Amino acid sequence: MSEVPEPHTGWTFLTNHARVLAAIADDHTARVRDIAAHCRLTERAVQKIIADLEQAGYLSHRREGRGNTYRIEPSKVLRHPAEAGLTVAALLALLAQDEVIRGREPADSATATREG
């Protein structure tokens, strides 16, 4: 069994809730174990985050065999007043677009763009 990587220390721009939601958006049938490894969290933390997201109406799940299939509510508006009007779909689109860009661009060209 693989271990959870060491957690990141220091602050980050995205919350663990956003990371878990993005991981689920990438794979609607992902296991809690896989989400935890991807997000560098414990399985228990991921279970709590999923419960939070379900309770708030951002996520639901359906049991299929031994696993779950998750459904994200794309039209749900983010909670913080600073993101008033921003939907889950918009947030996930920004994150997905960034992953596509990072996958195509060499790391040094991203640095050159910021500096030049």
Protein backbone atom coordinates (compact mmCIF):
# COMPACT_ATOMS: atom_id res chain seq x y z
CA MET A 1 0.00 0.00 0.00
CA SER A 2 1.37 3.44 -0.93
CA GLU A 3 1.82 6.08 1.72
CA VAL A 4 0.48 9.61 1.61
CA PRO A 5 3.29 11.99 0.59
CA GLU A 6 4.52 14.49 3.14
CA PRO A 7 2.10 17.42 3.39
CA HIS A 8 3.12 20.73 1.94
CA THR A 9 4.28 23.20 4.56
CA GLY A 10 3.47 26.89 4.39
CA TRP A 11 0.53 28.59 2.81
CA THR A 12 -0.94 27.93 -0.63
CA PHE A 13 -3.40 29.68 -2.92
CA LEU A 14 -5.96 26.88 -3.10
CA THR A 15 -7.81 25.30 -0.22
CA ASN A 16 -7.92 21.56 0.31
CA HIS A 17 -11.62 21.70 -0.57
CA ALA A 18 -10.76 23.17 -4.00
CA ARG A 19 -8.06 20.55 -4.54
CA VAL A 20 -10.41 17.67 -3.68
CA LEU A 21 -13.14 19.10 -5.92
CA ALA A 22 -10.65 19.45 -8.80
CA ALA A 23 -9.43 15.88 -8.29
CA ILE A 24 -13.01 14.63 -8.44
CA ALA A 25 -13.63 16.71 -11.56
CA ASP A 26 -10.68 14.92 -13.18
CA ASP A 27 -12.07 11.49 -12.28
CA HIS A 28 -15.68 11.15 -11.10
CA THR A 29 -15.02 7.57 -9.97
CA ALA A 30 -11.77 8.24 -8.06
CA ARG A 31 -11.32 6.40 -4.79
CA VAL A 32 -10.81 8.38 -1.59
CA ARG A 33 -7.36 6.78 -1.34
CA ASP A 34 -6.38 8.11 -4.78
CA ILE A 35 -7.78 11.58 -4.10
CA ALA A 36 -5.86 11.69 -0.82
CA ALA A 37 -2.59 10.75 -2.51
CA HIS A 38 -3.11 13.28 -5.30
CA CYS A 39 -3.97 16.10 -2.89
CA ARG A 40 -1.35 15.08 -0.30
CA LEU A 41 -3.98 14.62 2.39
CA THR A 42 -5.05 11.79 4.64
CA GLU A 43 -7.99 9.65 3.61
CA ARG A 44 -9.86 10.83 6.70
CA ALA A 45 -9.33 14.49 5.69
CA VAL A 46 -10.64 13.75 2.19
CA GLN A 47 -13.70 11.98 3.61
CA LYS A 48 -14.45 15.04 5.76
CA ILE A 49 -13.99 17.42 2.82
CA ILE A 50 -16.29 15.30 0.64
CA ALA A 51 -18.89 15.34 3.43
CA ASP A 52 -18.54 19.15 3.68
CA LEU A 53 -18.96 19.55 -0.09
CA GLU A 54 -21.99 17.24 -0.12
CA GLN A 55 -23.62 18.99 2.83
CA ALA A 56 -23.19 22.36 1.11
CA GLY A 57 -24.65 21.04 -2.16
CA TYR A 58 -21.48 21.23 -4.27
CA LEU A 59 -21.18 17.48 -4.67
CA SER A 60 -23.27 14.31 -4.51
CA HIS A 61 -22.40 10.67 -4.91
CA ARG A 62 -24.01 7.46 -6.04
CA ARG A 63 -22.82 4.07 -4.88
CA GLU A 64 -21.84 1.81 -7.79
CA GLY A 65 -20.65 -1.62 -6.77
CA ARG A 66 -17.80 -1.19 -4.35
CA GLY A 67 -17.08 2.41 -5.37
CA ASN A 68 -18.72 5.79 -5.71
CA THR A 69 -19.47 7.97 -8.69
CA TYR A 70 -19.45 11.66 -7.82
CA ARG A 71 -21.51 14.41 -9.40
CA ILE A 72 -20.40 18.02 -9.13
CA GLU A 73 -23.02 20.77 -9.16
CA PRO A 74 -21.43 23.12 -11.75
CA SER A 75 -23.86 26.01 -11.30
CA LYS A 76 -23.32 26.28 -7.54
CA VAL A 77 -21.82 29.65 -6.60
CA LEU A 78 -18.66 29.77 -4.49
CA ARG A 79 -19.15 30.64 -0.82
CA HIS A 80 -16.81 33.55 -0.13
CA PRO A 81 -18.17 37.07 -0.81
CA ALA A 82 -15.00 37.95 -2.74
CA GLU A 83 -15.96 35.29 -5.32
CA ALA A 84 -19.59 36.41 -5.54
CA GLY A 85 -21.09 35.12 -8.77
CA LEU A 86 -18.20 32.77 -9.58
CA THR A 87 -19.49 29.24 -10.16
CA VAL A 88 -17.88 25.89 -9.50
CA ALA A 89 -17.76 25.36 -13.27
CA ALA A 90 -15.80 28.59 -13.74
CA LEU A 91 -13.32 27.64 -11.01
CA LEU A 92 -12.81 24.16 -12.42
CA ALA A 93 -12.42 25.56 -15.95
CA LEU A 94 -9.64 27.86 -14.74
CA LEU A 95 -7.87 24.99 -13.00
CA ALA A 96 -8.25 22.66 -16.00
CA GLN A 97 -7.01 25.34 -18.40
CA ASP A 98 -3.95 25.88 -16.21
CA GLU A 99 -3.17 22.15 -16.20
CA VAL A 100 -3.37 22.03 -20.00
CA ILE A 101 -1.08 25.04 -20.31
CA ARG A 102 1.42 23.61 -17.79
CA GLY A 103 1.40 20.32 -19.66
CA ARG A 104 2.33 21.98 -22.96
CA GLU A 105 4.75 24.69 -21.81
CA PRO A 106 8.29 24.04 -20.70
CA ALA A 107 8.86 25.36 -17.17
CA ASP A 108 11.42 27.97 -18.29
CA SER A 109 9.05 29.54 -20.87
CA ALA A 110 6.51 30.18 -18.09
CA THR A 111 9.24 31.99 -16.16
CA ALA A 112 10.19 33.99 -19.24
CA THR A 113 6.58 35.07 -19.70
CA ARG A 114 6.42 36.41 -16.16
CA GLU A 115 9.75 38.21 -16.39
CA GLY A 116 9.59 39.51 -19.90
